Amino acid sequence: MELEEAAPEISAEEAPAQEVSAAEEVEAMPELVAIAAQIPDEDDIATQDIPLAENGMPELTTTPELDELDLEAILRAAFSDQADQEEAQDSNLLSDDTILLEDLSQATATAEEPEAEEESAEADAEDPDTNDEQEEVEDTPQMKKRRPKNPHAYGFFGIPHMVTTVIWLALVVFIGAGLGRMIWQVAADMLAFGREDQAVTITISSEDDLDAITDKLYDTGLIEYKSVFKFYGKLAKAEQKIKPGTYHLNTIYDYNALVKKMSSYAARATTKVVLPEGYTCAQIFQLLEEAGVCKAADLENAAMNADLSKYWFLEGVDRSSPNCLEGYLFPDTYEFYLDYEPELVLAKLLRNFDVRFSDAMQEKLDALNLTLADMMRSHGLPESYIESHRITIRELVIIASMIEKETSGNEESYYIASVIYNRLTNPGEYPYLNIDATLVYVVGHSPLTQEDLALDSPYNTYLYKGLVPGPIANPGVASLNAALSPESTEYYFYALNPSTGSHEFFKTYKAHQNFLESLKKGGK
């Protein structure tokens, strides 16, 4: 390729004094590149016939447009562009991918430039008009692309996104760890994880609501989080399921086990109570209260107001008194739940009486009435009197209670029973039973005084004929059997012998008085 003639040199003095604008400097950049492309290396100089200038340097071809520009301005523009490039690289405003793509494009363009120049020269030789048009296009200045500022590089308060991301990750880890720990603690409490095996006794009263129950569970160490148990209790309807009572629980029980244990009697604490023969209702109620079974006042209220209609032997019983169940609370050894419902306590005692008064006892009662009818006939009593004075179940219990309080041993019970029946079947000669125990039941002490003997009370068998209105104690099975099967005797009197601790029995009043006189004198 032949080189064009170099443009005549223009001295600084001959150059017109003119200022080159920034736009003109930019327009000169393509020309500077074109000049640099025309400078041959040493090999080209040695092998090609290239005209040289007077200073020994190859002559370069220039364009009229380049001649019109100030060389100093062109160089200044080149260095200025180089500084702009370095500043753009340091600003880091474009992504690495964009920079790589631009570098790749520039490398490709540089590699193809010599070939494009050769093809362009050949085309110029063939078509000068086309060459002129192409030069005009090449002379058009092209602006250097600058990296735009990335609006997404910064977050809140000018904090870079990378820092914001780290902060968010730290918050997520912190919150997640705290939330996870809280969930574990709640789950451990609900499922009783990691607790020691420790027995706990808790008492739930009928007045306790879910809040009170929760407080008691928390105070005894059975739960650790009140709010969690209350939430569980509402979902499980624990307040409706849990029954009043004293329960033996354990710290290893989870929430479900706690509610289940307190919803049944399986875990309730129990106590054994022995009800002795001859105890009154008041004594029994007090004993049960002392044993922690139930309050005496609650038992008295239940005795008067509870539904006890299914117990046939209570038919016709006046229940206006707290002691209305006297005689039917069967003495025995019982096992009760602590803080038991009073209605259930009474039901247990009455059910035992129902079981103990068997069909065999009922048959004995029928046989007893036949015997007593014959005894009344022997004393000249009419049939109407005999029929109206048949012994009922209640009257049998009254007689058994008197035997219970009068006897000093099971062996003499049958003899005391015979004295009572002998007097009841011979009212014309012995209208009064003269039994101290019925009056002691009223006055509450023994021995009786003359003032006590004068007390106007239906329980004073020295003043009132026949049987007393109700039982004076709760008789045991021995006294019931004695009342059903009395000894056949002619005794009408008996008195306690202090020296033996048992009773002496007499047929006549005179024999009875002689014995009492002998006791006063210190004799037997």
Protein backbone atom coordinates (compact mmCIF):
# COMPACT_ATOMS: atom_id res chain seq x y z
CA MET A 1 0.00 0.00 0.00
CA GLU A 2 1.41 3.37 -1.04
CA LEU A 3 1.60 6.20 1.40
CA GLU A 4 0.26 9.59 0.57
CA GLU A 5 2.47 12.62 0.63
CA ALA A 6 3.02 14.14 4.00
CA ALA A 7 1.37 17.45 4.63
CA PRO A 8 3.70 20.44 4.71
CA GLU A 9 4.93 21.21 8.20
CA ILE A 10 3.34 24.20 9.88
CA SER A 11 5.43 26.13 12.30
CA ALA A 12 4.16 27.54 15.50
CA GLU A 13 4.56 31.04 14.15
CA GLU A 14 2.68 30.28 10.96
CA ALA A 15 -0.12 28.47 12.77
CA PRO A 16 -3.13 30.64 13.22
CA ALA A 17 -3.71 31.68 16.78
CA GLN A 18 -6.97 29.94 17.56
CA GLU A 19 -8.46 28.08 20.48
CA VAL A 20 -9.56 24.52 20.03
CA SER A 21 -12.77 23.61 21.76
CA ALA A 22 -13.35 20.31 23.59
CA ALA A 23 -15.56 19.14 20.76
CA GLU A 24 -12.79 19.82 18.23
CA GLU A 25 -10.31 17.91 20.38
CA VAL A 26 -12.63 14.94 20.42
CA GLU A 27 -13.05 15.20 16.62
CA ALA A 28 -9.25 15.04 16.24
CA MET A 29 -8.96 11.74 18.02
CA PRO A 30 -9.80 9.55 14.99
CA GLU A 31 -7.23 11.42 12.94
CA LEU A 32 -4.55 10.81 15.55
CA VAL A 33 -5.35 7.14 15.48
CA ALA A 34 -5.10 7.13 11.70
CA ILE A 35 -1.67 8.76 11.84
CA ALA A 36 -0.42 6.23 14.34
CA ALA A 37 -1.62 3.39 12.14
CA GLN A 38 0.48 4.74 9.24
CA ILE A 39 3.77 4.66 11.18
CA PRO A 40 5.69 1.58 9.99
CA ASP A 41 7.89 -0.48 12.19
CA GLU A 42 11.62 -1.04 11.47
CA ASP A 43 11.05 -4.12 9.40
CA ASP A 44 8.67 -2.28 7.10
CA ILE A 45 11.18 0.50 6.69
CA ALA A 46 13.93 -1.90 5.80
CA THR A 47 11.94 -3.91 3.28
CA GLN A 48 9.75 -1.30 1.72
CA ASP A 49 10.50 1.73 -0.37
CA ILE A 50 9.09 4.34 1.92
CA PRO A 51 9.94 7.99 1.30
CA LEU A 52 11.79 9.64 4.15
CA ALA A 53 11.68 13.12 5.41
CA GLU A 54 14.70 15.39 5.82
CA ASN A 55 15.16 14.28 9.45
CA GLY A 56 15.32 10.63 8.41
CA MET A 57 11.81 9.72 9.63
CA PRO A 58 9.24 8.23 7.28
CA GLU A 59 6.89 10.68 5.76
CA LEU A 60 3.30 10.41 7.01
CA THR A 61 0.19 11.22 5.13
CA THR A 62 -2.10 13.77 6.70
CA THR A 63 -5.54 14.97 5.90
CA PRO A 64 -6.61 18.51 5.34
CA GLU A 65 -8.79 18.30 8.48
CA LEU A 66 -5.80 17.36 10.62
CA ASP A 67 -3.76 20.22 9.19
CA GLU A 68 -6.32 22.66 10.46
CA LEU A 69 -6.02 21.49 14.11
CA ASP A 70 -3.46 22.44 16.61
CA LEU A 71 -1.19 19.51 17.34
CA GLU A 72 -0.77 20.58 20.92
CA ALA A 73 -4.52 20.61 21.40
CA ILE A 74 -4.77 17.14 19.93
CA LEU A 75 -2.19 15.75 22.33
CA ARG A 76 -3.87 17.51 25.24
CA ALA A 77 -7.16 15.91 24.25
CA ALA A 78 -5.50 12.49 24.05
CA PHE A 79 -3.99 12.79 27.51
CA SER A 80 -7.25 14.17 28.84
CA ASP A 81 -9.11 11.17 27.44
CA GLN A 82 -6.57 8.83 29.02
CA ALA A 83 -7.13 10.49 32.43
CA ASP A 84 -10.87 10.16 32.00
CA GLN A 85 -10.46 6.47 31.29
CA GLU A 86 -8.42 5.94 34.44
CA GLU A 87 -10.93 7.87 36.52
CA ALA A 88 -13.80 5.82 35.04
CA GLN A 89 -12.01 2.60 35.91
CA ASP A 90 -11.39 3.72 39.50
CA SER A 91 -14.99 4.77 40.03
CA ASN A 92 -16.18 1.15 39.75
CA LEU A 93 -19.56 2.26 38.46
CA LEU A 94 -19.94 -0.44 35.83
CA SER A 95 -20.16 -4.14 36.48
CA ASP A 96 -17.23 -6.42 35.64
CA ASP A 97 -19.25 -8.14 32.97
CA THR A 98 -19.77 -4.87 31.07
CA ILE A 99 -16.05 -3.99 31.23
CA LEU A 100 -15.08 -7.41 29.91
CA LEU A 101 -17.52 -7.11 27.02
CA GLU A 102 -16.15 -3.69 26.09
CA ASP A 103 -12.54 -4.90 26.24
CA LEU A 104 -13.44 -7.85 24.08
CA SER A 105 -15.12 -5.58 21.55
CA GLN A 106 -12.10 -3.23 21.42
CA ALA A 107 -9.70 -6.14 20.97
CA THR A 108 -11.76 -7.50 18.14
CA ALA A 109 -11.91 -4.09 16.46
CA THR A 110 -8.12 -3.60 16.80
CA ALA A 111 -7.40 -7.02 15.30
CA GLU A 112 -9.60 -6.38 12.31
CA GLU A 113 -8.34 -2.81 11.70
CA PRO A 114 -5.37 -3.58 9.32
CA GLU A 115 -7.52 -5.76 7.10
CA ALA A 116 -10.25 -3.16 7.08
CA GLU A 117 -7.69 -0.50 5.98
CA GLU A 118 -6.39 -2.65 3.13
CA GLU A 119 -9.89 -3.39 1.90
CA SER A 120 -10.74 0.28 2.22
CA ALA A 121 -7.68 1.32 0.16
CA GLU A 122 -8.53 -1.09 -2.61
CA ALA A 123 -12.11 0.12 -2.60
CA ASP A 124 -10.90 3.69 -2.79
CA ALA A 125 -8.79 2.90 -5.79
CA GLU A 126 -11.72 1.37 -7.58
CA ASP A 127 -14.41 3.84 -6.52
CA PRO A 128 -13.21 7.28 -5.47
CA ASP A 129 -16.73 8.50 -4.79
CA THR A 130 -17.38 5.72 -2.34
CA ASN A 131 -14.05 6.42 -0.69
CA ASP A 132 -14.96 10.06 -0.17
CA GLU A 133 -18.27 9.12 1.43
CA GLN A 134 -16.54 6.57 3.70
CA GLU A 135 -13.99 9.17 4.80
CA GLU A 136 -16.82 11.47 5.71
CA VAL A 137 -18.39 8.73 7.85
CA GLU A 138 -15.04 7.95 9.51
CA ASP A 139 -14.44 11.61 10.20
CA THR A 140 -17.70 11.77 12.17
CA PRO A 141 -16.73 12.15 15.85
CA GLN A 142 -17.93 9.34 18.19
CA MET A 143 -18.43 10.02 21.90
CA LYS A 144 -16.65 7.78 24.44
CA LYS A 145 -19.12 5.73 26.52
CA ARG A 146 -18.92 6.45 30.23
CA ARG A 147 -20.13 4.20 33.02
CA PRO A 148 -23.48 5.40 34.33
CA LYS A 149 -24.01 5.63 38.05
CA ASN A 150 -25.73 2.49 39.39
CA PRO A 151 -28.83 3.64 41.34
CA HIS A 152 -29.14 0.20 42.95
CA ALA A 153 -25.66 0.12 44.50
CA TYR A 154 -26.77 1.76 47.78
CA GLY A 155 -29.59 1.02 50.24
CA PHE A 156 -31.12 2.86 53.18
CA PHE A 157 -29.20 5.86 54.56
CA GLY A 158 -26.50 5.41 51.90
CA ILE A 159 -25.43 2.03 53.26
CA PRO A 160 -24.14 -0.33 50.52
CA HIS A 161 -26.32 -3.30 49.78
CA MET A 162 -23.58 -5.71 50.85
CA VAL A 163 -23.49 -4.22 54.36
CA THR A 164 -27.29 -4.17 54.53
CA THR A 165 -27.39 -7.83 53.54
CA VAL A 166 -24.92 -8.75 56.29
CA ILE A 167 -27.00 -6.85 58.86
CA TRP A 168 -30.19 -8.56 57.78
CA LEU A 169 -28.54 -11.96 57.92
CA ALA A 170 -27.29 -11.23 61.44
CA LEU A 171 -30.79 -10.18 62.54
CA VAL A 172 -32.33 -13.30 61.02
CA VAL A 173 -29.81 -15.53 62.79
CA PHE A 174 -30.31 -13.73 66.11
CA ILE A 175 -34.11 -13.78 65.94
CA GLY A 176 -34.15 -17.36 64.70
CA ALA A 177 -31.92 -18.52 67.53
CA GLY A 178 -34.05 -16.75 70.14
CA LEU A 179 -37.29 -18.01 68.66
CA GLY A 180 -35.95 -21.52 68.44
CA ARG A 181 -34.86 -21.46 72.06
CA MET A 182 -38.26 -20.18 73.15
CA ILE A 183 -40.06 -22.89 71.15
CA TRP A 184 -37.83 -25.54 72.70
CA GLN A 185 -38.49 -24.30 76.23
CA VAL A 186 -42.26 -24.25 75.66
CA ALA A 187 -42.18 -27.73 74.10
CA ALA A 188 -40.05 -29.03 76.97
CA ASP A 189 -42.57 -27.71 79.48
CA MET A 190 -45.56 -29.15 77.63
CA LEU A 191 -43.91 -32.55 77.18
CA ALA A 192 -42.04 -32.55 80.54
CA PHE A 193 -38.61 -33.00 78.94
CA GLY A 194 -35.61 -33.11 81.24
CA ARG A 195 -37.48 -33.06 84.54
CA GLU A 196 -36.60 -34.96 87.66
CA ASP A 197 -38.93 -37.67 88.94
CA GLN A 198 -40.58 -36.02 91.95
CA ALA A 199 -43.97 -36.84 93.50
CA VAL A 200 -46.25 -33.88 94.19
CA THR A 201 -49.59 -33.72 96.00
CA ILE A 202 -52.08 -31.07 94.92
CA THR A 203 -55.58 -30.28 96.12
CA ILE A 204 -58.24 -28.91 93.77
CA SER A 205 -61.39 -27.50 95.32
CA SER A 206 -64.78 -27.11 93.71
CA GLU A 207 -64.30 -23.31 93.67
CA ASP A 208 -61.05 -23.42 91.68
CA ASP A 209 -61.21 -22.15 88.09
CA LEU A 210 -58.57 -22.61 85.40
CA ASP A 211 -56.51 -19.68 86.70
CA ALA A 212 -56.48 -21.06 90.26
CA ILE A 213 -55.62 -24.55 89.02
CA THR A 214 -52.78 -23.13 86.92
CA ASP A 215 -51.40 -21.24 89.91
CA LYS A 216 -51.40 -24.40 92.03
CA LEU A 217 -49.64 -26.39 89.31
CA TYR A 218 -47.03 -23.64 88.95
CA ASP A 219 -46.48 -23.29 92.71
CA THR A 220 -45.86 -27.04 93.08
CA GLY A 221 -43.40 -27.11 90.16
CA LEU A 222 -45.58 -29.20 87.85
CA ILE A 223 -45.49 -26.52 85.10
CA GLU A 224 -43.14 -23.63 84.28
CA TYR A 225 -45.21 -21.40 82.00
CA LYS A 226 -48.64 -20.35 83.25
CA SER A 227 -49.75 -18.72 79.99
CA VAL A 228 -48.88 -21.82 77.96
CA PHE A 229 -50.84 -24.13 80.28
CA LYS A 230 -53.83 -21.76 80.29
CA PHE A 231 -53.81 -21.76 76.49
CA TYR A 232 -53.59 -25.56 76.46
CA GLY A 233 -56.27 -25.81 79.15
CA LYS A 234 -58.72 -23.77 77.10
CA LEU A 235 -58.14 -25.93 74.03
CA ALA A 236 -58.44 -29.16 76.05
CA LYS A 237 -61.41 -27.86 78.12
CA ALA A 238 -59.44 -28.75 81.23
CA GLU A 239 -61.63 -26.71 83.58
CA GLN A 240 -64.66 -28.85 82.71
CA LYS A 241 -62.71 -32.10 82.99
CA ILE A 242 -60.74 -31.58 86.20
CA LYS A 243 -62.59 -32.79 89.30
CA PRO A 244 -62.16 -31.48 92.83
CA GLY A 245 -59.94 -33.57 95.04
CA THR A 246 -56.43 -34.23 96.25
CA TYR A 247 -54.19 -35.82 93.63
CA HIS A 248 -50.83 -37.58 93.74
CA LEU A 249 -49.03 -36.26 90.65
CA ASN A 250 -45.44 -36.21 89.40
CA THR A 251 -43.21 -33.61 87.78
CA ILE A 252 -42.57 -35.98 84.85
CA TYR A 253 -46.23 -35.71 83.78
CA ASP A 254 -46.82 -33.66 80.65
CA TYR A 255 -49.79 -31.34 80.20
CA ASN A 256 -52.03 -34.07 78.84
CA ALA A 257 -51.15 -36.44 81.70
CA LEU A 258 -51.80 -33.74 84.30
CA VAL A 259 -55.28 -33.00 82.96
CA LYS A 260 -56.04 -36.68 82.53
CA LYS A 261 -54.92 -37.56 86.05
CA MET A 262 -57.03 -34.79 87.54
CA SER A 263 -59.99 -35.75 85.36
CA SER A 264 -60.30 -39.20 86.90
CA TYR A 265 -59.99 -40.71 90.34
CA ALA A 266 -56.97 -42.78 89.38
CA ALA A 267 -54.43 -40.29 90.70
CA ARG A 268 -56.45 -38.93 93.62
CA ALA A 269 -54.97 -39.32 97.05
CA THR A 270 -56.89 -41.63 99.35
CA THR A 271 -57.09 -42.26 103.04
CA LYS A 272 -58.49 -45.06 105.16
CA VAL A 273 -61.01 -44.17 107.83
CA VAL A 274 -62.41 -46.52 110.46
CA LEU A 275 -65.94 -45.62 111.55
CA PRO A 276 -66.47 -47.28 114.93
CA GLU A 277 -69.77 -48.91 115.92
CA GLY A 278 -71.96 -46.64 117.95
CA TYR A 279 -70.65 -43.34 116.54
CA THR A 280 -73.30 -40.70 115.96
CA CYS A 281 -73.61 -38.76 112.69
CA ALA A 282 -71.95 -35.75 114.31
CA GLN A 283 -69.00 -37.87 115.42
CA ILE A 284 -68.68 -39.51 112.00
CA PHE A 285 -68.79 -36.18 110.17
CA GLN A 286 -66.13 -34.74 112.44
CA LEU A 287 -63.93 -37.81 111.99
CA LEU A 288 -64.18 -37.55 108.21
CA GLU A 289 -63.26 -33.89 108.31
CA GLU A 290 -60.22 -34.61 110.44
CA ALA A 291 -59.16 -37.29 107.97
CA GLY A 292 -59.34 -34.77 105.10
CA VAL A 293 -62.21 -36.51 103.37
CA CYS A 294 -64.83 -33.80 103.56
CA LYS A 295 -65.96 -30.90 105.72
CA ALA A 296 -68.50 -31.72 108.40
CA ALA A 297 -70.72 -28.80 107.42
CA ASP A 298 -70.82 -30.04 103.81
CA LEU A 299 -71.80 -33.51 105.00
CA GLU A 300 -74.60 -32.12 107.15
CA ASN A 301 -75.91 -30.10 104.22
CA ALA A 302 -75.75 -33.11 101.93
CA ALA A 303 -77.55 -35.25 104.51
CA MET A 304 -80.49 -32.87 104.43
CA ASN A 305 -80.54 -31.91 100.74
CA ALA A 306 -78.81 -34.53 98.59
CA ASP A 307 -80.89 -36.80 96.40
CA LEU A 308 -80.97 -40.09 98.35
CA SER A 309 -84.28 -41.38 97.04
CA LYS A 310 -82.81 -44.61 95.72
CA TYR A 311 -82.17 -45.93 99.23
CA TRP A 312 -85.38 -47.75 100.13
CA PHE A 313 -84.71 -47.86 103.89
CA LEU A 314 -84.84 -44.02 104.06
CA GLU A 315 -88.46 -43.92 102.99
CA GLY A 316 -90.45 -41.84 105.45
CA VAL A 317 -87.36 -40.46 107.22
CA ASP A 318 -87.63 -36.81 108.22
CA ARG A 319 -84.56 -35.16 106.73
CA SER A 320 -84.95 -31.72 108.28
CA SER A 321 -82.14 -32.35 110.76
CA PRO A 322 -78.37 -32.64 110.09
CA ASN A 323 -78.50 -35.96 111.97
CA CYS A 324 -81.38 -37.31 109.90
CA LEU A 325 -79.26 -40.22 108.61
CA GLU A 326 -78.53 -41.44 112.12
CA GLY A 327 -78.44 -45.22 112.25
CA TYR A 328 -77.80 -45.74 108.51
CA LEU A 329 -74.17 -44.67 108.18
CA PHE A 330 -72.84 -48.15 108.48
CA PRO A 331 -69.73 -48.52 110.69
CA ASP A 332 -66.85 -50.10 108.80
CA THR A 333 -63.36 -49.44 107.45
CA TYR A 334 -63.54 -47.22 104.38
CA GLU A 335 -61.10 -45.83 101.87
CA PHE A 336 -62.03 -42.34 100.74
CA TYR A 337 -60.50 -39.87 98.33
CA LEU A 338 -59.21 -36.76 100.00
CA ASP A 339 -61.44 -33.75 99.47
CA TYR A 340 -64.19 -36.05 98.30
CA GLU A 341 -67.63 -34.85 97.32
CA PRO A 342 -69.97 -35.05 100.36
CA GLU A 343 -72.78 -36.64 98.38
CA LEU A 344 -70.43 -39.43 97.32
CA VAL A 345 -69.21 -39.93 100.87
CA LEU A 346 -72.76 -40.40 102.17
CA ALA A 347 -73.62 -42.61 99.22
CA LYS A 348 -70.73 -44.92 100.05
CA LEU A 349 -71.87 -45.31 103.65
CA LEU A 350 -75.53 -45.81 102.76
CA ARG A 351 -74.67 -48.30 100.06
CA ASN A 352 -72.77 -50.35 102.59
CA PHE A 353 -75.82 -50.43 104.86
CA ASP A 354 -77.94 -51.56 101.94
CA VAL A 355 -75.51 -54.36 101.19
CA ARG A 356 -75.17 -55.46 104.82
CA PHE A 357 -78.91 -55.54 105.43
CA SER A 358 -79.29 -58.58 103.26
CA ASP A 359 -82.30 -60.58 102.24
CA ALA A 360 -81.51 -62.96 105.10
CA MET A 361 -81.89 -60.09 107.56
CA GLN A 362 -85.22 -59.17 106.01
CA GLU A 363 -86.38 -62.74 106.53
CA LYS A 364 -85.26 -62.55 110.16
CA LEU A 365 -87.23 -59.35 110.59
CA ASP A 366 -90.38 -61.06 109.33
CA ALA A 367 -89.77 -63.93 111.72
CA LEU A 368 -89.19 -61.50 114.58
CA ASN A 369 -92.55 -59.82 114.01
CA LEU A 370 -94.28 -63.18 114.24
CA THR A 371 -92.57 -63.88 117.57
CA LEU A 372 -93.42 -60.46 118.94
CA ALA A 373 -97.05 -60.84 117.84
CA ASP A 374 -97.33 -64.03 119.87
CA MET A 375 -95.77 -62.30 122.87
CA MET A 376 -98.28 -59.43 122.63
CA ARG A 377 -101.15 -61.87 122.36
CA SER A 378 -99.93 -63.58 125.50
CA HIS A 379 -100.34 -60.29 127.31
CA GLY A 380 -103.89 -59.82 126.03
CA LEU A 381 -103.22 -57.13 123.44
CA PRO A 382 -105.75 -56.92 120.57
CA GLU A 383 -104.86 -57.74 116.99
CA SER A 384 -105.25 -54.12 115.93
CA TYR A 385 -102.58 -53.13 118.40
CA ILE A 386 -100.40 -56.03 117.33
CA GLU A 387 -100.72 -55.09 113.64
CA SER A 388 -99.94 -51.43 114.24
CA HIS A 389 -96.88 -52.27 116.31
CA ARG A 390 -95.07 -54.47 113.85
CA ILE A 391 -91.35 -53.68 113.82
CA THR A 392 -90.28 -51.80 110.72
CA ILE A 393 -86.76 -51.44 109.35
CA ARG A 394 -86.48 -48.03 110.99
CA GLU A 395 -87.69 -49.28 114.36
CA LEU A 396 -85.27 -52.17 114.09
CA VAL A 397 -82.42 -49.69 113.56
CA ILE A 398 -83.60 -47.67 116.58
CA ILE A 399 -83.56 -50.78 118.77
CA ALA A 400 -80.17 -51.82 117.38
CA SER A 401 -78.76 -48.34 118.15
CA MET A 402 -79.97 -48.58 121.75
CA ILE A 403 -78.40 -52.03 122.06
CA GLU A 404 -75.17 -50.61 120.58
CA LYS A 405 -74.95 -47.84 123.16
CA GLU A 406 -76.08 -49.97 126.14
CA THR A 407 -74.07 -53.13 125.66
CA SER A 408 -70.57 -53.74 126.92
CA GLY A 409 -69.97 -56.74 124.66
CA ASN A 410 -71.47 -58.73 121.85
CA GLU A 411 -72.45 -61.65 124.09
CA GLU A 412 -74.80 -59.64 126.28
CA SER A 413 -76.31 -57.77 123.29
CA TYR A 414 -78.89 -60.51 122.77
CA TYR A 415 -79.98 -60.27 126.44
CA ILE A 416 -80.34 -56.52 126.30
CA ALA A 417 -82.42 -57.00 123.14
CA SER A 418 -84.67 -59.44 125.04
CA VAL A 419 -85.25 -56.89 127.84
CA ILE A 420 -86.30 -54.25 125.29
CA TYR A 421 -88.69 -56.57 123.45
CA ASN A 422 -90.14 -57.92 126.73
CA ARG A 423 -91.07 -54.41 127.77
CA LEU A 424 -92.40 -53.40 124.30
CA THR A 425 -94.71 -56.42 124.16
CA ASN A 426 -95.99 -55.85 127.73
CA PRO A 427 -96.79 -52.10 127.77
CA GLY A 428 -99.47 -52.44 130.41
CA GLU A 429 -96.98 -53.49 133.11
CA TYR A 430 -93.78 -51.87 131.71
CA PRO A 431 -94.73 -48.81 129.63
CA TYR A 432 -91.27 -47.18 129.88
CA LEU A 433 -88.05 -48.59 128.57
CA ASN A 434 -85.92 -46.73 131.20
CA ILE A 435 -82.80 -46.69 129.00
CA ASP A 436 -80.14 -44.16 129.96
CA ALA A 437 -78.46 -44.08 126.55
CA THR A 438 -81.39 -42.34 124.86
CA LEU A 439 -81.22 -39.46 127.32
CA VAL A 440 -77.42 -39.28 127.12
CA TYR A 441 -77.87 -38.81 123.35
CA VAL A 442 -79.76 -35.60 124.09
CA VAL A 443 -77.86 -34.14 127.02
CA GLY A 444 -74.47 -35.22 125.73
CA HIS A 445 -72.93 -36.47 128.94
CA SER A 446 -72.91 -39.37 131.38
CA PRO A 447 -73.66 -40.26 134.13
CA LEU A 448 -77.09 -38.69 134.23
CA THR A 449 -78.19 -36.40 136.99
CA GLN A 450 -81.64 -36.14 138.57
CA GLU A 451 -82.12 -33.00 136.56
CA ASP A 452 -81.35 -34.93 133.36
CA LEU A 453 -83.85 -37.61 134.32
CA ALA A 454 -86.50 -34.93 134.58
CA LEU A 455 -85.77 -33.50 131.10
CA ASP A 456 -88.88 -33.23 128.97
CA SER A 457 -87.73 -34.88 125.75
CA PRO A 458 -89.12 -37.68 123.57
CA TYR A 459 -85.69 -39.24 124.00
CA ASN A 460 -86.27 -39.44 127.79
CA THR A 461 -87.48 -43.03 128.09
CA TYR A 462 -88.19 -42.42 131.76
CA LEU A 463 -90.96 -40.02 130.83
CA TYR A 464 -92.01 -41.08 127.29
CA LYS A 465 -93.46 -44.49 126.48
CA GLY A 466 -92.31 -46.81 123.77
CA LEU A 467 -89.45 -46.19 121.34
CA VAL A 468 -87.67 -42.90 120.82
CA PRO A 469 -88.26 -40.95 117.54
CA GLY A 470 -85.04 -42.06 115.90
CA PRO A 471 -81.80 -43.98 116.24
CA ILE A 472 -79.33 -42.67 118.78
CA ALA A 473 -76.23 -44.03 117.03
CA ASN A 474 -75.08 -45.98 113.99
CA PRO A 475 -75.15 -49.63 115.01
CA GLY A 476 -72.83 -52.28 113.70
CA VAL A 477 -73.74 -55.63 112.30
CA ALA A 478 -73.57 -57.33 115.73
CA SER A 479 -76.18 -55.04 117.22
CA LEU A 480 -78.40 -55.47 114.15
CA ASN A 481 -78.19 -59.23 114.48
CA ALA A 482 -78.98 -58.99 118.20
CA ALA A 483 -82.03 -56.86 117.43
CA LEU A 484 -83.18 -59.42 114.84
CA SER A 485 -82.56 -62.44 117.00
CA PRO A 486 -83.01 -61.62 120.72
CA GLU A 487 -82.63 -64.19 123.45
CA SER A 488 -85.89 -65.60 124.77
CA THR A 489 -85.87 -64.57 128.43
CA GLU A 490 -88.11 -63.20 131.19
CA TYR A 491 -85.75 -60.36 132.02
CA TYR A 492 -87.14 -56.84 132.37
CA PHE A 493 -84.21 -55.18 134.12
CA TYR A 494 -80.45 -54.94 133.87
CA ALA A 495 -77.72 -52.95 135.56
CA LEU A 496 -73.99 -52.52 135.02
CA ASN A 497 -71.67 -54.32 137.41
CA PRO A 498 -68.64 -52.04 137.80
CA SER A 499 -66.46 -54.85 139.06
CA THR A 500 -66.89 -56.93 135.89
CA GLY A 501 -67.70 -54.25 133.35
CA SER A 502 -70.74 -56.20 132.16
CA HIS A 503 -74.45 -56.09 132.93
CA GLU A 504 -76.47 -58.09 135.40
CA PHE A 505 -80.03 -59.07 134.32
CA PHE A 506 -83.11 -59.37 136.54
CA LYS A 507 -86.69 -60.58 136.18
CA THR A 508 -88.21 -58.39 138.85
CA TYR A 509 -87.93 -54.82 140.00
CA LYS A 510 -87.11 -55.95 143.56
CA ALA A 511 -84.11 -58.01 142.41
CA HIS A 512 -82.91 -55.08 140.39
CA GLN A 513 -83.19 -52.66 143.36
CA ASN A 514 -81.44 -55.07 145.70
CA PHE A 515 -78.48 -55.21 143.30
CA LEU A 516 -78.29 -51.42 143.14
CA GLU A 517 -78.39 -51.22 146.94
CA SER A 518 -75.59 -53.71 147.13
CA LEU A 519 -73.50 -51.56 144.82
CA LYS A 520 -74.01 -48.61 147.13
CA LYS A 521 -72.83 -50.67 150.09
CA GLY A 522 -69.83 -51.87 148.12
CA GLY A 523 -71.13 -55.39 147.66
CA LYS A 524 -71.63 -57.34 144.52
